[in-house]
Amino acid sequence: MVEILQHAIPYDAMASPSLPGVQPLEQDGWILVDEAYSAQMQRRAALLAEQRDDVVYLDEAARPAAVELLEAVLALLAGRFSDRFVVNSDRVRRPDGAEIALDQTDPLGTLGHLVQEDFCILQNRGAEHVMTAAVLCFPAGWRLSEKAGRPLGDIHTPVDSYDSSMARRVQRLFDGVQPGRPMWRFNALWYKDPELHQPRLPPVPGPGDRNSATCSYLRSERQCILRLPRTGAAVFSIHSFVVRSRLNPG
């Protein structure tokens, strides 16, 4: 197994707040490119080629939202990240030199080859937001097949702290997020190995067991929530950091 590690996490992951614990984010701050970009993109490419059904889900009703999300990411790459990406009408040259064809018929697969973030699209159907599409190469303790097409309350089962009160708060959060006003939060998880594709439950669920001698890697997800202006869909993006633990370096 190849270790794909960042040198550091750009925030204090050990200060992770409880759900939802969100903070405002600058308008175009929901995409990051860090030193693990090339290695993470290689791992994503392998997962998309070998396990696509495990990492991509699209309800056809969500296709317009998926296309809008791809367009939003491309606009960011052509603007904020124009020094690292070359965006043309039919392809993108990435910072590592790879050229990715833009396939509007496969917006999520295309996104999976462009940026380190995973994306879940949630749309309001009745009383709750439902996950209607996702590209999820780097799950941390859950399987896309078990959450696809389900409402927020079911998605967070069996998180211990996610009771009915928390469920209402998170639903209000997704109801209230406005276009151009994204928000973010983060978590902390401990693993025995640095593998990014972790659909099984982590061996240690949180920082309460941070001194376990069996866990040498700290993983933190920078999770952003934003609203797409045209379709009104909510997007939950995840940028995964993995660093060698200073507490248990192995």
Foldseek 3Di string as FASTA:
>chain_A
DDFQAAADDPDPQVVFDDPPPKDWDALLPPADDGPSKVVLLVLLVVCCVPPVVFFKAADPVCLVVLLLVLVSVLVSCVPVVVVAWDDDPFWIQGNVRDIQGDDSVCSQSSVSNHGQKKKWKWDDDPQFTAGRIIGGSFDAAATCVQRHGGGPLSNPPPDPVCDPVSVVVVRVVLVPADASIKMKGKHKDFAQGNDRRHNHHGPGNHCVPVLPLNTFKIKMWIWMWHARPPVRIIMIMTRIHIHGDPNHND
